[in-house]
Amino acid sequence: MVNHNDTCCFIGHSKFYDDEAQIKRWILECVHKAIEDGFKHFMCGGGMGFDMLAAQIIVDLKKSGHKISLELALPYRGEYKPPPKRYLFSIIEANADKVSYVKEYYTKNCYIERNKYMVDKSALVVVYCREYWGGTHNIIEYAKELERVIYAL
């Protein structure tokens, strides 16, 4: 059973506004600090961009011997992944310890509900946000309302 007190989730944009290598280093620093602070369960939303980069880092750390787990929290079953990203997603999905579906099918709010699902179950939220409007910004405000610890880039 997963305890939300040792759970960290990642939420961010599907496109990068900064250098991807820099973002990757920042995620790695956040994950190492989280592990030092006792976090063992990591949740990613399965989206392209920030979500997949964070999930790939967790998979790599698991393979190198870290005793951590990865949960993919997907908005709905059968979410379409474009061909260039499908292969990466399939590798990450195969290495996830758990795959959760917030909805059985697409709804207009399924991405918002997926993000709330992750924040509700996490004590730490790692966020990549460069637009101060929209879904990523709104979920930061939601995490603040719930008094979650937030690491933001």
N, C-alpha and C. Protein backbone atom coordinates (compact mmCIF):
# COMPACT_ATOMS: atom_id res chain seq x y z
N MET A 1 0.83 -1.19 0.00
CA MET A 1 0.00 0.00 0.00
C MET A 1 0.88 1.26 0.00
N VAL A 2 0.51 2.23 -0.79
CA VAL A 2 1.27 3.46 -0.91
C VAL A 2 0.77 4.47 0.11
N ASN A 3 1.70 5.09 0.81
CA ASN A 3 1.40 6.12 1.79
C ASN A 3 1.62 7.47 1.13
N HIS A 4 0.62 8.35 1.15
CA HIS A 4 0.80 9.62 0.46
C HIS A 4 1.90 10.47 1.08
N ASN A 5 2.29 10.19 2.32
CA ASN A 5 3.36 10.95 2.95
C ASN A 5 4.73 10.65 2.36
N ASP A 6 4.86 9.54 1.62
CA ASP A 6 6.15 9.25 0.97
C ASP A 6 6.01 9.27 -0.55
N THR A 7 4.98 9.99 -1.03
CA THR A 7 4.71 10.05 -2.46
C THR A 7 4.99 11.44 -3.01
N CYS A 8 5.62 11.46 -4.17
CA CYS A 8 5.96 12.68 -4.90
C CYS A 8 5.39 12.57 -6.30
N CYS A 9 4.78 13.64 -6.80
CA CYS A 9 4.30 13.62 -8.19
C CYS A 9 4.97 14.72 -9.00
N PHE A 10 4.96 14.52 -10.31
CA PHE A 10 5.55 15.45 -11.27
C PHE A 10 4.45 15.98 -12.18
N ILE A 11 4.41 17.29 -12.32
CA ILE A 11 3.42 17.92 -13.20
C ILE A 11 4.11 19.05 -13.96
N GLY A 12 3.93 19.09 -15.27
CA GLY A 12 4.56 20.16 -16.04
C GLY A 12 4.09 20.19 -17.47
N HIS A 13 4.64 21.14 -18.19
CA HIS A 13 4.25 21.36 -19.58
C HIS A 13 4.68 20.21 -20.49
N SER A 14 3.96 20.06 -21.57
CA SER A 14 4.32 19.04 -22.56
C SER A 14 5.41 19.54 -23.50
N LYS A 15 5.66 20.83 -23.51
CA LYS A 15 6.78 21.35 -24.29
C LYS A 15 7.73 22.08 -23.34
N PHE A 16 9.00 22.14 -23.75
CA PHE A 16 10.01 22.76 -22.91
C PHE A 16 10.27 24.19 -23.34
N TYR A 17 10.33 25.08 -22.38
CA TYR A 17 10.65 26.49 -22.62
C TYR A 17 12.10 26.76 -22.25
N ASP A 18 12.78 25.76 -21.73
CA ASP A 18 14.17 25.87 -21.30
C ASP A 18 14.94 24.70 -21.91
N ASP A 19 16.24 24.71 -21.72
CA ASP A 19 17.10 23.64 -22.22
C ASP A 19 16.73 22.32 -21.55
N GLU A 20 16.46 21.29 -22.35
CA GLU A 20 16.02 20.00 -21.82
C GLU A 20 17.05 19.39 -20.88
N ALA A 21 18.33 19.52 -21.20
CA ALA A 21 19.38 18.97 -20.33
C ALA A 21 19.37 19.65 -18.96
N GLN A 22 19.11 20.94 -18.95
CA GLN A 22 19.03 21.69 -17.69
C GLN A 22 17.82 21.21 -16.88
N ILE A 23 16.70 21.01 -17.53
CA ILE A 23 15.49 20.53 -16.85
C ILE A 23 15.75 19.13 -16.27
N LYS A 24 16.41 18.29 -17.05
CA LYS A 24 16.73 16.93 -16.59
C LYS A 24 17.60 16.97 -15.34
N ARG A 25 18.62 17.85 -15.33
CA ARG A 25 19.49 17.98 -14.14
C ARG A 25 18.67 18.43 -12.94
N TRP A 26 17.76 19.38 -13.15
CA TRP A 26 16.94 19.88 -12.06
C TRP A 26 16.04 18.78 -11.51
N ILE A 27 15.41 18.01 -12.40
CA ILE A 27 14.55 16.90 -11.95
C ILE A 27 15.38 15.92 -11.13
N LEU A 28 16.56 15.57 -11.62
CA LEU A 28 17.42 14.63 -10.91
C LEU A 28 17.78 15.14 -9.52
N GLU A 29 18.10 16.43 -9.41
CA GLU A 29 18.39 17.03 -8.10
C GLU A 29 17.17 16.91 -7.19
N CYS A 30 15.99 17.22 -7.71
CA CYS A 30 14.76 17.13 -6.92
C CYS A 30 14.51 15.70 -6.45
N VAL A 31 14.71 14.74 -7.34
CA VAL A 31 14.46 13.34 -6.99
C VAL A 31 15.44 12.88 -5.92
N HIS A 32 16.72 13.22 -6.07
CA HIS A 32 17.71 12.83 -5.05
C HIS A 32 17.36 13.44 -3.69
N LYS A 33 16.95 14.71 -3.69
CA LYS A 33 16.56 15.34 -2.43
C LYS A 33 15.33 14.66 -1.86
N ALA A 34 14.36 14.35 -2.72
CA ALA A 34 13.15 13.67 -2.26
C ALA A 34 13.48 12.31 -1.64
N ILE A 35 14.36 11.55 -2.30
CA ILE A 35 14.75 10.24 -1.76
C ILE A 35 15.44 10.42 -0.40
N GLU A 36 16.33 11.40 -0.30
CA GLU A 36 16.99 11.69 0.99
C GLU A 36 15.97 12.03 2.07
N ASP A 37 14.88 12.69 1.67
CA ASP A 37 13.83 13.09 2.62
C ASP A 37 12.81 11.99 2.89
N GLY A 38 13.04 10.81 2.31
CA GLY A 38 12.18 9.66 2.61
C GLY A 38 11.10 9.35 1.59
N PHE A 39 11.09 10.03 0.47
CA PHE A 39 10.09 9.73 -0.56
C PHE A 39 10.52 8.49 -1.33
N LYS A 40 9.55 7.60 -1.54
CA LYS A 40 9.84 6.31 -2.18
C LYS A 40 8.95 6.04 -3.39
N HIS A 41 7.82 6.70 -3.45
CA HIS A 41 6.84 6.45 -4.51
C HIS A 41 6.70 7.72 -5.36
N PHE A 42 6.88 7.57 -6.67
CA PHE A 42 6.85 8.70 -7.58
C PHE A 42 5.75 8.50 -8.61
N MET A 43 4.97 9.56 -8.86
CA MET A 43 3.86 9.49 -9.80
C MET A 43 4.09 10.46 -10.95
N CYS A 44 3.86 9.97 -12.15
CA CYS A 44 3.96 10.79 -13.35
C CYS A 44 2.67 10.64 -14.14
N GLY A 45 2.28 11.71 -14.83
CA GLY A 45 1.01 11.74 -15.53
C GLY A 45 1.00 11.12 -16.91
N GLY A 46 2.14 10.73 -17.42
CA GLY A 46 2.17 10.05 -18.70
C GLY A 46 2.11 10.95 -19.91
N GLY A 47 2.10 12.27 -19.71
CA GLY A 47 2.10 13.19 -20.84
C GLY A 47 3.49 13.32 -21.45
N MET A 48 3.53 13.87 -22.63
CA MET A 48 4.80 14.10 -23.28
C MET A 48 5.52 15.25 -22.58
N GLY A 49 6.78 15.43 -22.84
CA GLY A 49 7.53 16.53 -22.26
C GLY A 49 7.98 16.23 -20.84
N PHE A 50 7.60 17.09 -19.91
CA PHE A 50 8.07 17.01 -18.53
C PHE A 50 7.73 15.67 -17.87
N ASP A 51 6.50 15.20 -18.06
CA ASP A 51 6.07 13.94 -17.43
C ASP A 51 6.97 12.78 -17.85
N MET A 52 7.21 12.66 -19.15
CA MET A 52 8.02 11.54 -19.65
C MET A 52 9.47 11.67 -19.25
N LEU A 53 9.99 12.89 -19.20
CA LEU A 53 11.37 13.10 -18.77
C LEU A 53 11.53 12.67 -17.30
N ALA A 54 10.60 13.07 -16.46
CA ALA A 54 10.64 12.69 -15.05
C ALA A 54 10.50 11.17 -14.90
N ALA A 55 9.57 10.58 -15.63
CA ALA A 55 9.36 9.13 -15.54
C ALA A 55 10.61 8.37 -15.99
N GLN A 56 11.25 8.84 -17.04
CA GLN A 56 12.48 8.18 -17.52
C GLN A 56 13.56 8.22 -16.45
N ILE A 57 13.68 9.33 -15.75
CA ILE A 57 14.66 9.45 -14.67
C ILE A 57 14.35 8.46 -13.56
N ILE A 58 13.08 8.33 -13.18
CA ILE A 58 12.71 7.37 -12.14
C ILE A 58 13.02 5.95 -12.59
N VAL A 59 12.69 5.61 -13.82
CA VAL A 59 13.01 4.27 -14.34
C VAL A 59 14.51 4.02 -14.29
N ASP A 60 15.31 4.99 -14.71
CA ASP A 60 16.77 4.83 -14.69
C ASP A 60 17.29 4.64 -13.27
N LEU A 61 16.75 5.40 -12.32
CA LEU A 61 17.19 5.25 -10.92
C LEU A 61 16.78 3.90 -10.35
N LYS A 62 15.59 3.43 -10.71
CA LYS A 62 15.16 2.08 -10.28
C LYS A 62 16.13 1.03 -10.81
N LYS A 63 16.48 1.15 -12.09
CA LYS A 63 17.38 0.17 -12.71
C LYS A 63 18.78 0.21 -12.09
N SER A 64 19.16 1.36 -11.54
CA SER A 64 20.49 1.47 -10.92
C SER A 64 20.47 1.06 -9.44
N GLY A 65 19.32 0.55 -8.97
CA GLY A 65 19.28 -0.02 -7.64
C GLY A 65 18.55 0.77 -6.57
N HIS A 66 18.04 1.94 -6.89
CA HIS A 66 17.29 2.70 -5.89
C HIS A 66 15.98 1.98 -5.58
N LYS A 67 15.63 1.93 -4.32
CA LYS A 67 14.42 1.26 -3.87
C LYS A 67 13.25 2.24 -3.90
N ILE A 68 12.81 2.55 -5.10
CA ILE A 68 11.72 3.48 -5.32
C ILE A 68 10.71 2.83 -6.28
N SER A 69 9.51 3.40 -6.33
CA SER A 69 8.49 2.87 -7.25
C SER A 69 7.95 4.00 -8.13
N LEU A 70 7.43 3.59 -9.27
CA LEU A 70 6.87 4.52 -10.24
C LEU A 70 5.42 4.14 -10.52
N GLU A 71 4.55 5.13 -10.42
CA GLU A 71 3.16 4.96 -10.81
C GLU A 71 2.87 5.91 -11.97
N LEU A 72 2.33 5.38 -13.04
CA LEU A 72 1.82 6.21 -14.13
C LEU A 72 0.35 6.47 -13.85
N ALA A 73 0.00 7.72 -13.72
CA ALA A 73 -1.39 8.11 -13.49
C ALA A 73 -1.90 8.69 -14.80
N LEU A 74 -2.63 7.88 -15.53
CA LEU A 74 -3.07 8.27 -16.86
C LEU A 74 -4.49 8.82 -16.83
N PRO A 75 -4.79 9.81 -17.66
CA PRO A 75 -6.12 10.44 -17.61
C PRO A 75 -7.25 9.51 -18.03
N TYR A 76 -6.97 8.60 -18.99
CA TYR A 76 -8.00 7.65 -19.43
C TYR A 76 -7.34 6.51 -20.19
N ARG A 77 -8.05 5.40 -20.27
CA ARG A 77 -7.55 4.22 -21.00
C ARG A 77 -7.46 4.54 -22.49
N GLY A 78 -6.40 4.05 -23.11
CA GLY A 78 -6.26 4.20 -24.55
C GLY A 78 -5.85 5.58 -25.02
N GLU A 79 -5.27 6.38 -24.13
CA GLU A 79 -4.82 7.71 -24.53
C GLU A 79 -3.84 7.60 -25.69
N TYR A 80 -4.04 8.38 -26.71
CA TYR A 80 -3.21 8.32 -27.91
C TYR A 80 -1.83 8.90 -27.66
N LYS A 81 -0.81 8.19 -28.10
CA LYS A 81 0.57 8.68 -28.07
C LYS A 81 1.07 8.71 -29.51
N PRO A 82 1.62 9.85 -29.97
CA PRO A 82 2.12 9.90 -31.34
C PRO A 82 3.28 8.93 -31.54
N PRO A 83 3.45 8.41 -32.75
CA PRO A 83 4.47 7.38 -33.01
C PRO A 83 5.87 7.68 -32.47
N PRO A 84 6.41 8.89 -32.59
CA PRO A 84 7.78 9.09 -32.09
C PRO A 84 7.89 8.87 -30.58
N LYS A 85 6.82 9.14 -29.84
CA LYS A 85 6.85 9.01 -28.38
C LYS A 85 6.29 7.68 -27.89
N ARG A 86 5.61 6.95 -28.74
CA ARG A 86 4.96 5.71 -28.34
C ARG A 86 5.97 4.69 -27.79
N TYR A 87 7.13 4.60 -28.44
CA TYR A 87 8.14 3.64 -28.02
C TYR A 87 8.66 3.98 -26.62
N LEU A 88 9.01 5.24 -26.40
CA LEU A 88 9.48 5.67 -25.08
C LEU A 88 8.41 5.41 -24.03
N PHE A 89 7.17 5.75 -24.35
CA PHE A 89 6.08 5.52 -23.40
C PHE A 89 5.94 4.04 -23.07
N SER A 90 6.06 3.17 -24.07
CA SER A 90 5.90 1.73 -23.83
C SER A 90 7.00 1.21 -22.91
N ILE A 91 8.21 1.74 -23.04
CA ILE A 91 9.31 1.33 -22.15
C ILE A 91 9.01 1.79 -20.72
N ILE A 92 8.58 3.01 -20.58
CA ILE A 92 8.27 3.54 -19.24
C ILE A 92 7.10 2.78 -18.64
N GLU A 93 6.07 2.53 -19.43
CA GLU A 93 4.91 1.79 -18.93
C GLU A 93 5.31 0.38 -18.47
N ALA A 94 6.19 -0.26 -19.22
CA ALA A 94 6.65 -1.61 -18.86
C ALA A 94 7.45 -1.62 -17.57
N ASN A 95 8.07 -0.49 -17.23
CA ASN A 95 8.89 -0.40 -16.02
C ASN A 95 8.17 0.25 -14.85
N ALA A 96 6.91 0.63 -15.06
CA ALA A 96 6.13 1.22 -13.96
C ALA A 96 5.68 0.11 -13.02
N ASP A 97 5.62 0.44 -11.75
CA ASP A 97 5.14 -0.52 -10.76
C ASP A 97 3.62 -0.56 -10.72
N LYS A 98 2.99 0.53 -11.18
CA LYS A 98 1.54 0.61 -11.16
C LYS A 98 1.11 1.56 -12.27
N VAL A 99 0.02 1.23 -12.93
CA VAL A 99 -0.61 2.13 -13.90
C VAL A 99 -2.04 2.35 -13.44
N SER A 100 -2.37 3.61 -13.21
CA SER A 100 -3.72 3.98 -12.76
C SER A 100 -4.41 4.77 -13.87
N TYR A 101 -5.69 4.54 -14.03
CA TYR A 101 -6.49 5.29 -15.00
C TYR A 101 -7.53 6.06 -14.21
N VAL A 102 -7.53 7.38 -14.39
CA VAL A 102 -8.49 8.21 -13.67
C VAL A 102 -9.89 8.04 -14.26
N LYS A 103 -9.96 7.86 -15.57
CA LYS A 103 -11.23 7.66 -16.26
C LYS A 103 -11.11 6.48 -17.22
N GLU A 104 -12.22 5.88 -17.54
CA GLU A 104 -12.23 4.79 -18.52
C GLU A 104 -12.16 5.32 -19.95
N TYR A 105 -12.63 6.54 -20.15
CA TYR A 105 -12.66 7.11 -21.49
C TYR A 105 -12.39 8.62 -21.37
N TYR A 106 -12.10 9.26 -22.50
CA TYR A 106 -11.82 10.69 -22.52
C TYR A 106 -13.03 11.51 -22.11
N THR A 107 -12.78 12.50 -21.24
CA THR A 107 -13.76 13.54 -20.93
C THR A 107 -13.03 14.87 -20.98
N LYS A 108 -13.76 15.96 -21.08
CA LYS A 108 -13.09 17.26 -21.20
C LYS A 108 -12.28 17.63 -19.95
N ASN A 109 -12.58 17.02 -18.83
CA ASN A 109 -11.87 17.33 -17.59
C ASN A 109 -10.89 16.24 -17.14
N CYS A 110 -10.68 15.22 -17.95
CA CYS A 110 -9.89 14.08 -17.48
C CYS A 110 -8.44 14.45 -17.14
N TYR A 111 -7.85 15.42 -17.83
CA TYR A 111 -6.48 15.81 -17.51
C TYR A 111 -6.42 16.58 -16.19
N ILE A 112 -7.40 17.43 -15.95
CA ILE A 112 -7.48 18.14 -14.68
C ILE A 112 -7.68 17.14 -13.54
N GLU A 113 -8.58 16.18 -13.76
CA GLU A 113 -8.85 15.17 -12.73
C GLU A 113 -7.61 14.30 -12.47
N ARG A 114 -6.86 13.97 -13.54
CA ARG A 114 -5.62 13.22 -13.37
C ARG A 114 -4.62 13.99 -12.50
N ASN A 115 -4.46 15.29 -12.77
CA ASN A 115 -3.54 16.10 -11.98
C ASN A 115 -3.98 16.20 -10.52
N LYS A 116 -5.28 16.37 -10.30
CA LYS A 116 -5.79 16.42 -8.92
C LYS A 116 -5.58 15.08 -8.22
N TYR A 117 -5.80 13.99 -8.94
CA TYR A 117 -5.56 12.66 -8.38
C TYR A 117 -4.13 12.56 -7.86
N MET A 118 -3.17 13.02 -8.66
CA MET A 118 -1.76 12.92 -8.26
C MET A 118 -1.47 13.83 -7.06
N VAL A 119 -1.95 15.06 -7.08
CA VAL A 119 -1.71 15.98 -5.97
C VAL A 119 -2.38 15.47 -4.69
N ASP A 120 -3.60 14.96 -4.82
CA ASP A 120 -4.31 14.44 -3.65
C ASP A 120 -3.54 13.32 -2.96
N LYS A 121 -2.79 12.54 -3.72
CA LYS A 121 -2.09 11.39 -3.18
C LYS A 121 -0.62 11.66 -2.86
N SER A 122 -0.18 12.92 -3.00
CA SER A 122 1.23 13.26 -2.83
C SER A 122 1.45 14.27 -1.71
N ALA A 123 2.59 14.15 -1.08
CA ALA A 123 3.01 15.16 -0.11
C ALA A 123 3.93 16.18 -0.77
N LEU A 124 4.60 15.78 -1.85
CA LEU A 124 5.54 16.64 -2.58
C LEU A 124 5.12 16.70 -4.04
N VAL A 125 5.08 17.92 -4.59
CA VAL A 125 4.72 18.14 -5.99
C VAL A 125 5.89 18.85 -6.66
N VAL A 126 6.46 18.22 -7.68
CA VAL A 126 7.55 18.81 -8.46
C VAL A 126 6.94 19.34 -9.75
N VAL A 127 7.08 20.65 -9.98
CA VAL A 127 6.36 21.29 -11.08
C VAL A 127 7.30 22.07 -12.00
N TYR A 128 7.06 21.89 -13.30
CA TYR A 128 7.72 22.71 -14.31
C TYR A 128 6.64 23.59 -14.94
N CYS A 129 6.68 24.89 -14.62
CA CYS A 129 5.63 25.79 -15.10
C CYS A 129 6.25 27.09 -15.59
N ARG A 130 5.98 27.41 -16.84
CA ARG A 130 6.45 28.66 -17.43
C ARG A 130 5.31 29.55 -17.91
N GLU A 131 4.09 29.05 -17.84
CA GLU A 131 2.91 29.83 -18.23
C GLU A 131 2.06 30.02 -16.97
N TYR A 132 1.75 31.23 -16.66
CA TYR A 132 1.03 31.49 -15.42
C TYR A 132 -0.47 31.63 -15.65
N TRP A 133 -0.99 30.66 -16.40
CA TRP A 133 -2.39 30.49 -16.69
C TRP A 133 -2.53 29.03 -17.14
N GLY A 134 -3.70 28.51 -17.16
CA GLY A 134 -3.94 27.17 -17.68
C GLY A 134 -3.75 26.07 -16.65
N GLY A 135 -3.76 24.84 -17.16
CA GLY A 135 -3.79 23.65 -16.32
C GLY A 135 -2.63 23.50 -15.35
N THR A 136 -1.41 23.70 -15.82
CA THR A 136 -0.25 23.53 -14.92
C THR A 136 -0.29 24.58 -13.82
N HIS A 137 -0.55 25.81 -14.17
CA HIS A 137 -0.64 26.88 -13.16
C HIS A 137 -1.78 26.60 -12.18
N ASN A 138 -2.92 26.18 -12.68
CA ASN A 138 -4.06 25.91 -11.80
C ASN A 138 -3.78 24.79 -10.82
N ILE A 139 -3.04 23.78 -11.25
CA ILE A 139 -2.76 22.66 -10.33
C ILE A 139 -1.76 23.09 -9.25
N ILE A 140 -0.89 24.04 -9.56
CA ILE A 140 0.00 24.59 -8.52
C ILE A 140 -0.84 25.27 -7.45
N GLU A 141 -1.82 26.05 -7.88
CA GLU A 141 -2.71 26.72 -6.91
C GLU A 141 -3.47 25.69 -6.08
N TYR A 142 -3.91 24.62 -6.70
CA TYR A 142 -4.61 23.55 -5.98
C TYR A 142 -3.67 22.90 -4.95
N ALA A 143 -2.43 22.65 -5.35
CA ALA A 143 -1.46 22.05 -4.42
C ALA A 143 -1.18 22.98 -3.24
N LYS A 144 -1.14 24.27 -3.50
CA LYS A 144 -0.95 25.25 -2.41
C LYS A 144 -2.12 25.21 -1.45
N GLU A 145 -3.35 25.14 -2.00
CA GLU A 145 -4.54 25.06 -1.15
C GLU A 145 -4.48 23.85 -0.22
N LEU A 146 -3.93 22.75 -0.73
CA LEU A 146 -3.81 21.52 0.07
C LEU A 146 -2.56 21.50 0.94
N GLU A 147 -1.80 22.59 0.88
CA GLU A 147 -0.56 22.75 1.66
C GLU A 147 0.47 21.69 1.36
N ARG A 148 0.59 21.36 0.08
CA ARG A 148 1.62 20.40 -0.36
C ARG A 148 2.96 21.14 -0.46
N VAL A 149 4.04 20.41 -0.25
CA VAL A 149 5.37 20.95 -0.52
C VAL A 149 5.53 21.00 -2.03
N ILE A 150 6.02 22.12 -2.53
CA ILE A 150 6.16 22.29 -3.98
C ILE A 150 7.59 22.66 -4.32
N TYR A 151 8.18 21.90 -5.23
CA TYR A 151 9.46 22.28 -5.83
C TYR A 151 9.09 22.77 -7.24
N ALA A 152 9.41 24.02 -7.55
CA ALA A 152 9.02 24.58 -8.84
C ALA A 152 10.22 25.09 -9.61
N LEU A 153 10.23 24.79 -10.90
CA LEU A 153 11.25 25.33 -11.79
C LEU A 153 10.56 26.34 -12.68
